[in-house]
């Protein structure tokens, strides 16, 4: 006869479900560690770059607002797009990711700052090649890129690099945790199947033969 399978204690399934939910919640978070200080400093530098000249007398704030100071120096579309991407992703989503420690927000910050890095290259290039050909005659150029624009571009590149390191590290941890959960689930299924079929006899012992009911001599 087979031994009865051991039943899990009452409430164990609920505890296991809560434990798995906690693991999933932790897996969706990031732990930047000392890199969080670096990201915070870079975000602060980006904020400072908006009050510095991006080209001529136009500051980053003027470029974002599109006021007369920006119009007067012929701010092009790449500069405006770069400033908005830097403000939304480099400052906004980076601060949200640091405060909430959510992995999804860190991914958004990484994607936005990466896009801003390429847009910054276009913004700097557009300031170096901008000319006024019709209104004031050929050869008259707009002011070139200011140190505020160069500072913002370098800072957003560094910010994208650090977010990439944070996201990549967390992705590797998530993959390892998922692999461990899959193995644990496979072991649990195997144990449950063996419990249903009955535990095998212990080695070295012969199972008793059933009584045939024949009379003994």
N, C-alpha and C. Protein backbone atom coordinates (compact mmCIF):
# COMPACT_ATOMS: atom_id res chain seq x y z
N UNK A 1 0.84 -1.19 0.00
CA UNK A 1 0.00 0.00 0.00
C UNK A 1 0.88 1.24 0.00
N UNK A 2 0.42 2.24 -0.66
CA UNK A 2 1.21 3.47 -0.76
C UNK A 2 0.93 4.37 0.42
N UNK A 3 1.95 5.12 0.82
CA UNK A 3 1.79 6.05 1.92
C UNK A 3 1.03 7.27 1.45
N UNK A 4 0.17 7.86 2.27
CA UNK A 4 -0.57 9.06 1.86
C UNK A 4 0.38 10.23 1.67
N UNK A 5 0.13 11.00 0.63
CA UNK A 5 0.99 12.15 0.35
C UNK A 5 0.80 13.21 1.41
N UNK A 6 1.93 13.84 1.76
CA UNK A 6 1.88 14.90 2.79
C UNK A 6 1.15 16.11 2.24
N UNK A 7 0.17 16.59 2.96
CA UNK A 7 -0.60 17.75 2.55
C UNK A 7 0.09 19.03 3.03
N UNK A 8 0.13 20.07 2.19
CA UNK A 8 0.74 21.32 2.63
C UNK A 8 -0.07 21.95 3.74
N UNK A 9 0.56 22.66 4.64
CA UNK A 9 -0.16 23.29 5.74
C UNK A 9 -1.18 24.30 5.21
N UNK A 10 -2.20 24.52 6.04
CA UNK A 10 -3.27 25.43 5.65
C UNK A 10 -2.72 26.85 5.50
N UNK A 11 -3.08 27.51 4.43
CA UNK A 11 -2.61 28.87 4.17
C UNK A 11 -1.28 28.92 3.46
N UNK A 12 -0.67 27.77 3.17
CA UNK A 12 0.64 27.79 2.51
C UNK A 12 0.53 28.30 1.08
N UNK A 13 -0.56 27.91 0.38
CA UNK A 13 -0.73 28.36 -1.00
C UNK A 13 -0.88 29.88 -1.07
N UNK A 14 -1.61 30.46 -0.12
CA UNK A 14 -1.74 31.92 -0.10
C UNK A 14 -0.40 32.59 0.18
N UNK A 15 0.36 32.00 1.10
CA UNK A 15 1.68 32.55 1.40
C UNK A 15 2.60 32.44 0.19
N UNK A 16 2.51 31.34 -0.54
CA UNK A 16 3.35 31.17 -1.74
C UNK A 16 2.97 32.18 -2.80
N UNK A 17 1.66 32.44 -2.96
CA UNK A 17 1.23 33.43 -3.95
C UNK A 17 1.71 34.83 -3.58
N UNK A 18 1.65 35.15 -2.28
CA UNK A 18 2.15 36.46 -1.83
C UNK A 18 3.65 36.58 -2.06
N UNK A 19 4.37 35.48 -1.83
CA UNK A 19 5.81 35.49 -2.03
C UNK A 19 6.16 35.69 -3.50
N UNK A 20 5.44 35.02 -4.40
CA UNK A 20 5.69 35.20 -5.82
C UNK A 20 5.35 36.61 -6.28
N UNK A 21 4.27 37.18 -5.73
CA UNK A 21 3.92 38.57 -6.08
C UNK A 21 4.99 39.54 -5.62
N UNK A 22 5.55 39.28 -4.43
CA UNK A 22 6.63 40.15 -3.94
C UNK A 22 7.88 40.02 -4.81
N UNK A 23 8.17 38.80 -5.29
CA UNK A 23 9.32 38.61 -6.17
C UNK A 23 9.13 39.35 -7.49
N UNK A 24 7.91 39.30 -8.03
CA UNK A 24 7.66 40.02 -9.28
C UNK A 24 7.76 41.52 -9.08
N UNK A 25 7.29 41.99 -7.92
CA UNK A 25 7.37 43.43 -7.65
C UNK A 25 8.82 43.88 -7.53
N UNK A 26 9.63 43.09 -6.85
CA UNK A 26 11.04 43.43 -6.71
C UNK A 26 11.76 43.34 -8.06
N UNK A 27 11.35 42.36 -8.89
CA UNK A 27 11.98 42.22 -10.20
C UNK A 27 11.69 43.41 -11.10
N UNK A 28 10.60 44.13 -10.84
CA UNK A 28 10.27 45.30 -11.64
C UNK A 28 10.91 46.58 -11.15
N UNK A 29 11.78 46.49 -10.16
CA UNK A 29 12.44 47.67 -9.62
C UNK A 29 13.92 47.67 -9.98
N UNK A 30 14.53 48.83 -9.87
CA UNK A 30 15.95 48.97 -10.14
C UNK A 30 16.67 49.33 -8.86
N UNK A 31 17.94 49.03 -8.83
CA UNK A 31 18.78 49.40 -7.69
C UNK A 31 20.06 50.01 -8.25
N UNK A 32 20.04 51.30 -8.59
CA UNK A 32 21.22 51.91 -9.22
C UNK A 32 22.42 52.00 -8.31
N UNK A 33 22.21 51.94 -7.00
CA UNK A 33 23.33 52.03 -6.06
C UNK A 33 24.03 53.38 -6.13
N UNK A 34 25.37 53.38 -6.08
CA UNK A 34 26.09 54.67 -6.16
C UNK A 34 25.87 55.41 -7.47
N UNK A 35 25.44 54.70 -8.51
CA UNK A 35 25.19 55.35 -9.79
C UNK A 35 24.01 56.32 -9.70
N UNK A 36 23.15 56.17 -8.71
CA UNK A 36 22.03 57.10 -8.54
C UNK A 36 22.53 58.51 -8.26
N UNK A 37 23.62 58.63 -7.51
CA UNK A 37 24.18 59.95 -7.22
C UNK A 37 24.70 60.59 -8.51
N UNK A 38 25.35 59.78 -9.35
CA UNK A 38 25.87 60.30 -10.63
C UNK A 38 24.72 60.77 -11.51
N UNK A 39 23.65 59.98 -11.58
CA UNK A 39 22.50 60.37 -12.40
C UNK A 39 21.87 61.66 -11.87
N UNK A 40 21.76 61.77 -10.54
CA UNK A 40 21.17 62.98 -9.96
C UNK A 40 22.02 64.21 -10.27
N UNK A 41 23.33 64.06 -10.22
CA UNK A 41 24.21 65.19 -10.55
C UNK A 41 24.07 65.57 -12.02
N UNK A 42 23.98 64.59 -12.90
CA UNK A 42 23.82 64.88 -14.32
C UNK A 42 22.48 65.57 -14.61
N UNK A 43 21.44 65.17 -13.91
CA UNK A 43 20.15 65.85 -14.08
C UNK A 43 20.25 67.30 -13.62
N UNK A 44 20.96 67.54 -12.53
CA UNK A 44 21.14 68.91 -12.06
C UNK A 44 21.92 69.74 -13.08
N UNK A 45 22.94 69.13 -13.68
CA UNK A 45 23.72 69.84 -14.71
C UNK A 45 22.84 70.17 -15.91
N UNK A 46 21.95 69.26 -16.28
CA UNK A 46 21.03 69.55 -17.38
C UNK A 46 20.13 70.74 -17.06
N UNK A 47 19.65 70.80 -15.83
CA UNK A 47 18.82 71.94 -15.44
C UNK A 47 19.61 73.24 -15.51
N UNK A 48 20.87 73.20 -15.09
CA UNK A 48 21.71 74.40 -15.15
C UNK A 48 21.94 74.82 -16.60
N UNK A 49 22.07 73.83 -17.50
CA UNK A 49 22.34 74.16 -18.91
C UNK A 49 21.20 74.95 -19.55
N UNK A 50 19.99 74.84 -18.99
CA UNK A 50 18.87 75.57 -19.58
C UNK A 50 18.90 77.06 -19.27
N UNK A 51 19.70 77.47 -18.31
CA UNK A 51 19.82 78.90 -18.03
C UNK A 51 21.12 79.47 -18.61
N UNK A 52 21.85 78.64 -19.35
CA UNK A 52 23.07 79.09 -20.01
C UNK A 52 22.78 79.35 -21.49
N UNK A 53 23.62 80.16 -22.16
CA UNK A 53 23.37 80.46 -23.58
C UNK A 53 23.54 79.22 -24.45
N UNK A 54 22.54 78.95 -25.27
CA UNK A 54 22.63 77.85 -26.24
C UNK A 54 23.16 78.34 -27.58
N UNK A 55 22.86 79.54 -27.90
CA UNK A 55 23.41 80.18 -29.10
C UNK A 55 23.20 81.68 -28.99
N UNK A 56 24.25 82.43 -29.14
CA UNK A 56 24.14 83.87 -28.99
C UNK A 56 23.64 84.22 -27.60
N UNK A 57 22.60 85.08 -27.55
CA UNK A 57 22.01 85.46 -26.26
C UNK A 57 20.82 84.59 -25.87
N UNK A 58 20.47 83.62 -26.70
CA UNK A 58 19.32 82.75 -26.42
C UNK A 58 19.73 81.62 -25.49
N UNK A 59 19.03 81.54 -24.36
CA UNK A 59 19.29 80.46 -23.41
C UNK A 59 18.44 79.24 -23.74
N UNK A 60 18.69 78.18 -23.02
CA UNK A 60 17.89 76.98 -23.24
C UNK A 60 16.43 77.20 -22.94
N UNK A 61 16.13 78.00 -21.92
CA UNK A 61 14.74 78.32 -21.61
C UNK A 61 14.08 79.07 -22.76
N UNK A 62 14.82 79.97 -23.38
CA UNK A 62 14.28 80.71 -24.53
C UNK A 62 13.99 79.77 -25.70
N UNK A 63 14.85 78.79 -25.89
CA UNK A 63 14.63 77.83 -26.98
C UNK A 63 13.38 77.01 -26.73
N UNK A 64 13.17 76.59 -25.48
CA UNK A 64 11.99 75.80 -25.14
C UNK A 64 10.72 76.62 -25.33
N UNK A 65 10.75 77.87 -24.87
CA UNK A 65 9.57 78.72 -24.97
C UNK A 65 9.36 79.30 -26.36
N UNK A 66 10.41 79.36 -27.16
CA UNK A 66 10.30 79.92 -28.50
C UNK A 66 10.01 81.40 -28.50
N UNK A 67 10.63 82.16 -27.59
CA UNK A 67 10.35 83.59 -27.48
C UNK A 67 11.18 84.38 -28.50
N UNK A 68 11.15 85.71 -28.37
CA UNK A 68 11.82 86.57 -29.33
C UNK A 68 13.34 86.39 -29.33
N UNK A 69 13.90 86.07 -28.15
CA UNK A 69 15.35 85.86 -28.09
C UNK A 69 15.77 84.68 -28.95
N UNK A 70 14.97 83.62 -28.96
CA UNK A 70 15.28 82.45 -29.79
C UNK A 70 15.02 82.73 -31.26
N UNK A 71 13.93 83.44 -31.54
CA UNK A 71 13.60 83.75 -32.93
C UNK A 71 14.64 84.68 -33.55
N UNK A 72 15.15 85.59 -32.73
CA UNK A 72 16.12 86.55 -33.25
C UNK A 72 17.42 85.94 -33.71
N UNK A 73 17.79 84.81 -33.15
CA UNK A 73 19.04 84.16 -33.56
C UNK A 73 18.77 82.99 -34.50
N UNK A 74 17.53 82.86 -34.96
CA UNK A 74 17.22 81.82 -35.95
C UNK A 74 17.32 80.41 -35.43
N UNK A 75 16.71 80.14 -34.27
CA UNK A 75 16.73 78.79 -33.72
C UNK A 75 15.99 77.85 -34.67
N UNK A 76 16.64 76.76 -35.03
CA UNK A 76 16.06 75.78 -35.95
C UNK A 76 15.33 74.68 -35.17
N UNK A 77 14.62 73.85 -35.94
CA UNK A 77 13.83 72.78 -35.33
C UNK A 77 14.68 71.78 -34.54
N UNK A 78 15.87 71.36 -35.01
CA UNK A 78 16.65 70.40 -34.21
C UNK A 78 16.97 70.90 -32.80
N UNK A 79 17.24 72.19 -32.66
CA UNK A 79 17.55 72.72 -31.33
C UNK A 79 16.33 72.65 -30.42
N UNK A 80 15.16 72.97 -30.95
CA UNK A 80 13.96 72.90 -30.14
C UNK A 80 13.62 71.46 -29.76
N UNK A 81 13.74 70.55 -30.71
CA UNK A 81 13.46 69.14 -30.41
C UNK A 81 14.44 68.61 -29.36
N UNK A 82 15.72 68.99 -29.51
CA UNK A 82 16.71 68.53 -28.53
C UNK A 82 16.40 69.05 -27.14
N UNK A 83 16.04 70.31 -27.02
CA UNK A 83 15.74 70.88 -25.70
C UNK A 83 14.52 70.21 -25.07
N UNK A 84 13.49 69.94 -25.88
CA UNK A 84 12.31 69.29 -25.33
C UNK A 84 12.58 67.85 -24.92
N UNK A 85 13.34 67.12 -25.76
CA UNK A 85 13.70 65.74 -25.38
C UNK A 85 14.54 65.72 -24.12
N UNK A 86 15.46 66.65 -24.02
CA UNK A 86 16.31 66.73 -22.82
C UNK A 86 15.48 67.04 -21.59
N UNK A 87 14.53 67.96 -21.73
CA UNK A 87 13.71 68.34 -20.58
C UNK A 87 12.77 67.22 -20.16
N UNK A 88 12.14 66.56 -21.13
CA UNK A 88 11.14 65.53 -20.80
C UNK A 88 11.80 64.25 -20.30
N UNK A 89 12.79 63.76 -21.05
CA UNK A 89 13.39 62.46 -20.71
C UNK A 89 14.62 62.60 -19.82
N UNK A 90 15.50 63.55 -20.15
CA UNK A 90 16.72 63.70 -19.36
C UNK A 90 16.46 64.19 -17.95
N UNK A 91 15.46 65.05 -17.81
CA UNK A 91 15.13 65.59 -16.48
C UNK A 91 13.90 64.90 -15.90
N UNK A 92 12.78 64.91 -16.64
CA UNK A 92 11.53 64.40 -16.11
C UNK A 92 11.55 62.92 -15.79
N UNK A 93 11.76 62.08 -16.81
CA UNK A 93 11.72 60.64 -16.58
C UNK A 93 12.90 60.15 -15.76
N UNK A 94 14.03 60.83 -15.85
CA UNK A 94 15.17 60.42 -15.02
C UNK A 94 14.85 60.63 -13.54
N UNK A 95 14.22 61.74 -13.19
CA UNK A 95 13.85 61.98 -11.80
C UNK A 95 12.76 61.00 -11.35
N UNK A 96 11.79 60.72 -12.23
CA UNK A 96 10.76 59.75 -11.87
C UNK A 96 11.36 58.36 -11.64
N UNK A 97 12.30 57.97 -12.49
CA UNK A 97 12.92 56.65 -12.34
C UNK A 97 13.74 56.57 -11.06
N UNK A 98 14.41 57.66 -10.70
CA UNK A 98 15.19 57.66 -9.46
C UNK A 98 14.29 57.63 -8.22
N UNK A 99 13.16 58.33 -8.29
CA UNK A 99 12.28 58.41 -7.12
C UNK A 99 11.46 57.13 -6.93
N UNK A 100 10.95 56.57 -8.02
CA UNK A 100 10.10 55.38 -7.93
C UNK A 100 10.87 54.08 -8.03
N UNK A 101 12.09 54.11 -8.60
CA UNK A 101 12.91 52.92 -8.82
C UNK A 101 12.21 51.90 -9.72
N UNK A 102 11.37 52.36 -10.63
CA UNK A 102 10.67 51.46 -11.53
C UNK A 102 11.53 51.18 -12.76
N UNK A 103 11.60 49.90 -13.11
CA UNK A 103 12.44 49.47 -14.23
C UNK A 103 11.89 50.00 -15.55
N UNK A 104 10.56 50.06 -15.69
CA UNK A 104 9.96 50.55 -16.93
C UNK A 104 10.29 52.03 -17.15
N UNK A 105 10.26 52.83 -16.10
CA UNK A 105 10.60 54.25 -16.23
C UNK A 105 12.07 54.43 -16.59
N UNK A 106 12.93 53.56 -16.04
CA UNK A 106 14.34 53.63 -16.40
C UNK A 106 14.54 53.31 -17.88
N UNK A 107 13.77 52.36 -18.41
CA UNK A 107 13.83 52.05 -19.83
C UNK A 107 13.41 53.25 -20.67
N UNK A 108 12.34 53.94 -20.26
CA UNK A 108 11.87 55.12 -20.99
C UNK A 108 12.93 56.22 -20.95
N UNK A 109 13.54 56.41 -19.77
CA UNK A 109 14.60 57.42 -19.65
C UNK A 109 15.78 57.09 -20.55
N UNK A 110 16.12 55.80 -20.63
CA UNK A 110 17.22 55.38 -21.50
C UNK A 110 16.90 55.66 -22.97
N UNK A 111 15.69 55.27 -23.41
CA UNK A 111 15.32 55.48 -24.81
C UNK A 111 15.27 56.97 -25.15
N UNK A 112 14.71 57.78 -24.24
CA UNK A 112 14.60 59.21 -24.51
C UNK A 112 15.94 59.91 -24.54
N UNK A 113 16.82 59.58 -23.61
CA UNK A 113 18.13 60.23 -23.59
C UNK A 113 19.00 59.78 -24.76
N UNK A 114 18.83 58.53 -25.19
CA UNK A 114 19.56 58.08 -26.38
C UNK A 114 19.12 58.84 -27.62
N UNK A 115 17.81 59.02 -27.75
CA UNK A 115 17.30 59.80 -28.88
C UNK A 115 17.75 61.25 -28.78
N UNK A 116 17.77 61.80 -27.57
CA UNK A 116 18.22 63.18 -27.39
C UNK A 116 19.70 63.33 -27.73
N UNK A 117 20.49 62.29 -27.50
CA UNK A 117 21.92 62.36 -27.83
C UNK A 117 22.14 62.56 -29.33
N UNK A 118 21.39 61.81 -30.14
CA UNK A 118 21.51 61.97 -31.59
C UNK A 118 20.92 63.30 -32.05
N UNK A 119 19.83 63.71 -31.42
CA UNK A 119 19.23 65.00 -31.78
C UNK A 119 20.16 66.15 -31.41
N UNK A 120 20.90 66.00 -30.31
CA UNK A 120 21.87 67.03 -29.92
C UNK A 120 22.95 67.22 -30.97
N UNK A 121 23.36 66.12 -31.60
CA UNK A 121 24.34 66.24 -32.68
C UNK A 121 23.78 67.08 -33.83
N UNK A 122 22.51 66.86 -34.17
CA UNK A 122 21.88 67.66 -35.22
C UNK A 122 21.74 69.12 -34.81
N UNK A 123 21.46 69.34 -33.51
CA UNK A 123 21.30 70.72 -33.04
C UNK A 123 22.62 71.49 -33.14
N UNK A 124 23.70 70.85 -32.73
CA UNK A 124 25.01 71.51 -32.82
C UNK A 124 25.38 71.74 -34.28
N UNK A 125 25.14 70.75 -35.13
CA UNK A 125 25.47 70.89 -36.54
C UNK A 125 24.64 71.99 -37.20
N UNK A 126 23.36 72.11 -36.82
CA UNK A 126 22.51 73.15 -37.42
C UNK A 126 22.97 74.54 -37.02
N UNK A 127 23.53 74.70 -35.82
CA UNK A 127 24.03 76.01 -35.41
C UNK A 127 25.33 76.36 -36.13
N UNK A 128 26.06 75.36 -36.54
CA UNK A 128 27.31 75.62 -37.24
C UNK A 128 27.10 75.92 -38.72
N UNK A 129 25.96 75.53 -39.26
CA UNK A 129 25.73 75.72 -40.70
C UNK A 129 24.60 76.69 -41.00
N UNK A 130 23.98 77.30 -39.97
CA UNK A 130 22.83 78.18 -40.22
C UNK A 130 23.30 79.48 -40.86
N UNK A 131 22.58 79.92 -41.89
CA UNK A 131 22.87 81.19 -42.57
C UNK A 131 21.58 81.92 -42.89
N UNK A 132 21.70 83.19 -43.11
CA UNK A 132 20.56 83.99 -43.60
C UNK A 132 20.91 84.40 -45.02
N UNK A 133 20.23 83.84 -45.99
CA UNK A 133 20.62 84.06 -47.37
C UNK A 133 19.85 85.14 -48.09
N UNK A 134 18.63 85.44 -47.64
CA UNK A 134 17.79 86.34 -48.41
C UNK A 134 17.56 87.68 -47.70
N UNK A 135 17.28 87.63 -46.41
CA UNK A 135 16.91 88.87 -45.73
C UNK A 135 18.10 89.81 -45.55
N UNK A 136 19.25 89.27 -45.24
CA UNK A 136 20.39 90.12 -44.90
C UNK A 136 21.57 89.90 -45.83
N UNK A 137 21.39 89.10 -46.84
CA UNK A 137 22.47 88.90 -47.79
C UNK A 137 23.24 87.63 -47.51
N UNK A 138 23.95 87.09 -48.50
CA UNK A 138 24.70 85.85 -48.32
C UNK A 138 25.91 86.05 -47.43
N UNK A 139 26.30 84.98 -46.78
CA UNK A 139 27.51 85.01 -45.96
C UNK A 139 27.30 85.49 -44.55
N UNK A 140 26.10 85.94 -44.21
CA UNK A 140 25.84 86.40 -42.84
C UNK A 140 25.32 85.21 -42.05
N UNK A 141 26.02 84.81 -41.03
CA UNK A 141 25.68 83.60 -40.29
C UNK A 141 25.08 83.94 -38.94
N UNK A 142 24.32 83.02 -38.44
CA UNK A 142 23.79 83.12 -37.08
C UNK A 142 24.90 82.78 -36.09
N UNK A 143 24.69 83.09 -34.81
CA UNK A 143 25.67 82.67 -33.80
C UNK A 143 25.80 81.15 -33.77
N UNK A 144 26.99 80.69 -33.49
CA UNK A 144 27.23 79.26 -33.41
C UNK A 144 26.73 78.67 -32.12
N UNK A 145 26.99 77.40 -31.90
CA UNK A 145 26.51 76.76 -30.67
C UNK A 145 27.19 77.35 -29.44
N UNK A 146 26.37 77.65 -28.42
CA UNK A 146 26.91 78.19 -27.18
C UNK A 146 27.37 77.08 -26.25
N UNK A 147 28.04 77.48 -25.17
CA UNK A 147 28.56 76.46 -24.25
C UNK A 147 27.43 75.78 -23.48
N UNK A 148 26.27 76.43 -23.38
CA UNK A 148 25.14 75.77 -22.74
C UNK A 148 24.64 74.59 -23.56
N UNK A 149 24.60 74.74 -24.89
CA UNK A 149 24.18 73.65 -25.77
C UNK A 149 25.20 72.52 -25.75
N UNK A 150 26.47 72.85 -25.80
CA UNK A 150 27.52 71.81 -25.76
C UNK A 150 27.46 71.06 -24.43
N UNK A 151 27.27 71.80 -23.33
CA UNK A 151 27.19 71.15 -22.01
C UNK A 151 25.99 70.22 -21.92
N UNK A 152 24.84 70.67 -22.43
CA UNK A 152 23.64 69.83 -22.40
C UNK A 152 23.83 68.57 -23.25
N UNK A 153 24.45 68.71 -24.40
CA UNK A 153 24.65 67.55 -25.27
C UNK A 153 25.57 66.51 -24.62
N UNK A 154 26.70 66.96 -24.06
CA UNK A 154 27.61 66.02 -23.41
C UNK A 154 26.95 65.37 -22.20
N UNK A 155 26.19 66.15 -21.45
CA UNK A 155 25.54 65.63 -20.24
C UNK A 155 24.50 64.57 -20.58
N UNK A 156 23.71 64.81 -21.63
CA UNK A 156 22.68 63.84 -21.97
C UNK A 156 23.30 62.56 -22.52
N UNK A 157 24.46 62.65 -23.16
CA UNK A 157 25.16 61.43 -23.60
C UNK A 157 25.61 60.62 -22.38
N UNK A 158 26.17 61.28 -21.40
CA UNK A 158 26.59 60.59 -20.18
C UNK A 158 25.39 60.00 -19.44
N UNK A 159 24.28 60.72 -19.45
CA UNK A 159 23.08 60.22 -18.79
C UNK A 159 22.55 58.96 -19.47
N UNK A 160 22.57 58.96 -20.81
CA UNK A 160 22.15 57.76 -21.55
C UNK A 160 23.07 56.58 -21.24
N UNK A 161 24.37 56.83 -21.12
CA UNK A 161 25.31 55.75 -20.81
C UNK A 161 25.01 55.14 -19.44
N UNK A 162 24.79 55.98 -18.44
CA UNK A 162 24.54 55.45 -17.09
C UNK A 162 23.20 54.74 -17.00
N UNK A 163 22.18 55.24 -17.69
CA UNK A 163 20.90 54.53 -17.69
C UNK A 163 21.03 53.19 -18.39
N UNK A 164 21.85 53.12 -19.42
CA UNK A 164 22.07 51.85 -20.11
C UNK A 164 22.72 50.83 -19.16
N UNK A 165 23.67 51.28 -18.35
CA UNK A 165 24.31 50.37 -17.40
C UNK A 165 23.31 49.88 -16.35
N UNK A 166 22.47 50.78 -15.86
CA UNK A 166 21.48 50.41 -14.85
C UNK A 166 20.48 49.41 -15.42
N UNK A 167 19.96 49.71 -16.60
CA UNK A 167 18.95 48.84 -17.22
C UNK A 167 19.54 47.49 -17.58
N UNK A 168 20.75 47.47 -18.11
CA UNK A 168 21.37 46.20 -18.50
C UNK A 168 21.63 45.32 -17.28
N UNK A 169 22.11 45.92 -16.20
CA UNK A 169 22.36 45.14 -14.99
C UNK A 169 21.07 44.55 -14.45
N UNK A 170 20.01 45.36 -14.43
CA UNK A 170 18.74 44.87 -13.91
C UNK A 170 18.15 43.80 -14.83
N UNK A 171 18.34 43.93 -16.13
CA UNK A 171 17.83 42.93 -17.05
C UNK A 171 18.49 41.58 -16.82
N UNK A 172 19.81 41.58 -16.58
CA UNK A 172 20.51 40.33 -16.30
C UNK A 172 20.00 39.68 -15.01
N UNK A 173 19.72 40.49 -13.99
CA UNK A 173 19.19 39.96 -12.73
C UNK A 173 17.80 39.38 -12.94
N UNK A 174 16.97 40.06 -13.72
CA UNK A 174 15.62 39.57 -14.00
C UNK A 174 15.66 38.24 -14.74
N UNK A 175 16.54 38.12 -15.73
CA UNK A 175 16.63 36.86 -16.47
C UNK A 175 17.07 35.72 -15.55
N UNK A 176 18.00 35.97 -14.66
CA UNK A 176 18.43 34.93 -13.72
C UNK A 176 17.30 34.55 -12.77
N UNK A 177 16.54 35.54 -12.28
CA UNK A 177 15.43 35.26 -11.38
C UNK A 177 14.33 34.46 -12.08
N UNK A 178 14.03 34.81 -13.34
CA UNK A 178 13.02 34.07 -14.08
C UNK A 178 13.46 32.62 -14.33
N UNK A 179 14.73 32.41 -14.63
CA UNK A 179 15.24 31.06 -14.82
C UNK A 179 15.13 30.25 -13.53
N UNK A 180 15.43 30.88 -12.40
CA UNK A 180 15.32 30.19 -11.11
C UNK A 180 13.87 29.85 -10.79
N UNK A 181 12.93 30.76 -11.12
CA UNK A 181 11.52 30.47 -10.88
C UNK A 181 11.04 29.33 -11.76
N UNK A 182 11.51 29.29 -13.02
CA UNK A 182 11.10 28.19 -13.89
C UNK A 182 11.60 26.85 -13.36
N UNK A 183 12.83 26.82 -12.86
CA UNK A 183 13.36 25.57 -12.31
C UNK A 183 12.59 25.15 -11.07
N UNK A 184 12.27 26.11 -10.22
CA UNK A 184 11.51 25.79 -9.01
C UNK A 184 10.11 25.29 -9.36
N UNK A 185 9.49 25.88 -10.39
CA UNK A 185 8.16 25.42 -10.81
C UNK A 185 8.23 24.01 -11.37
N UNK A 186 9.31 23.70 -12.11
CA UNK A 186 9.45 22.35 -12.66
C UNK A 186 9.64 21.33 -11.54
N UNK A 187 10.41 21.68 -10.52
CA UNK A 187 10.61 20.77 -9.38
C UNK A 187 9.29 20.56 -8.64
N UNK A 188 8.52 21.63 -8.46
CA UNK A 188 7.24 21.50 -7.76
C UNK A 188 6.28 20.60 -8.54
N UNK A 189 6.26 20.73 -9.87
CA UNK A 189 5.38 19.89 -10.67
C UNK A 189 5.80 18.42 -10.60
N UNK A 190 7.11 18.19 -10.62
CA UNK A 190 7.59 16.80 -10.53
C UNK A 190 7.24 16.20 -9.18
N UNK A 191 7.41 16.96 -8.10
CA UNK A 191 7.08 16.47 -6.77
C UNK A 191 5.59 16.19 -6.63
N UNK A 192 4.78 17.07 -7.19
CA UNK A 192 3.34 16.88 -7.12
C UNK A 192 2.92 15.64 -7.89
N UNK A 193 3.54 15.39 -9.05
CA UNK A 193 3.21 14.20 -9.84
C UNK A 193 3.59 12.92 -9.11
N UNK A 194 4.76 12.92 -8.46
CA UNK A 194 5.18 11.74 -7.70
C UNK A 194 4.26 11.49 -6.52
N UNK A 195 3.78 12.56 -5.89
CA UNK A 195 2.86 12.39 -4.76
C UNK A 195 1.54 11.78 -5.20
N UNK A 196 1.08 12.13 -6.42
CA UNK A 196 -0.16 11.57 -6.92
C UNK A 196 0.00 10.08 -7.26
N UNK A 197 1.15 9.72 -7.85
CA UNK A 197 1.37 8.34 -8.26
C UNK A 197 1.73 7.44 -7.10
N UNK A 198 2.15 8.00 -6.00
CA UNK A 198 2.58 7.20 -4.86
C UNK A 198 4.07 7.13 -4.78
N UNK A 199 4.59 7.14 -3.57
CA UNK A 199 6.04 7.11 -3.38
C UNK A 199 6.57 5.72 -3.66
N UNK A 200 7.72 5.60 -4.33
CA UNK A 200 8.29 4.27 -4.62
C UNK A 200 8.78 3.60 -3.34
N UNK A 201 8.88 2.27 -3.42
CA UNK A 201 9.36 1.52 -2.26
C UNK A 201 10.80 1.85 -1.98
N UNK A 202 11.18 1.76 -0.70
CA UNK A 202 12.55 2.08 -0.31
C UNK A 202 13.50 1.03 -0.86
N UNK A 203 14.69 1.42 -1.27
CA UNK A 203 15.65 0.45 -1.83
C UNK A 203 16.06 -0.57 -0.78
N UNK A 204 16.24 -1.86 -1.22
CA UNK A 204 16.68 -2.92 -0.31
C UNK A 204 15.54 -3.67 0.32
N UNK A 205 14.31 -3.23 0.14
CA UNK A 205 13.16 -3.91 0.72
C UNK A 205 12.24 -4.39 -0.39
N UNK A 206 11.76 -5.65 -0.24
CA UNK A 206 10.86 -6.23 -1.23
C UNK A 206 9.43 -5.97 -0.81
N UNK A 207 8.63 -5.40 -1.69
CA UNK A 207 7.24 -5.14 -1.30
C UNK A 207 6.51 -6.43 -1.01
N UNK A 208 5.62 -6.45 -0.05
CA UNK A 208 4.90 -7.70 0.30
C UNK A 208 4.00 -8.14 -0.83
N UNK A 209 3.90 -9.52 -0.99
CA UNK A 209 3.06 -10.06 -2.03
C UNK A 209 1.62 -10.10 -1.54
N UNK A 210 0.69 -9.83 -2.43
CA UNK A 210 -0.72 -9.88 -2.02
C UNK A 210 -1.14 -11.29 -1.69
N UNK A 211 -2.05 -11.46 -0.73
CA UNK A 211 -2.55 -12.77 -0.33
C UNK A 211 -3.50 -13.29 -1.37
N UNK A 212 -3.20 -14.50 -1.88
CA UNK A 212 -4.00 -15.06 -2.96
C UNK A 212 -5.30 -15.68 -2.44
N UNK A 213 -5.37 -15.90 -1.15
CA UNK A 213 -6.60 -16.46 -0.58
C UNK A 213 -6.64 -17.97 -0.62
N UNK A 214 -5.58 -18.68 -1.12
CA UNK A 214 -5.57 -20.14 -1.19
C UNK A 214 -5.34 -20.71 0.18
N UNK A 215 -5.98 -21.86 0.53
CA UNK A 215 -5.78 -22.50 1.88
C UNK A 215 -4.35 -23.02 2.00
N UNK A 216 -3.84 -22.89 3.19
CA UNK A 216 -2.48 -23.38 3.46
C UNK A 216 -2.55 -24.80 3.92
N UNK A 217 -1.56 -25.62 3.53
CA UNK A 217 -1.51 -27.03 3.89
C UNK A 217 -0.89 -27.21 5.26
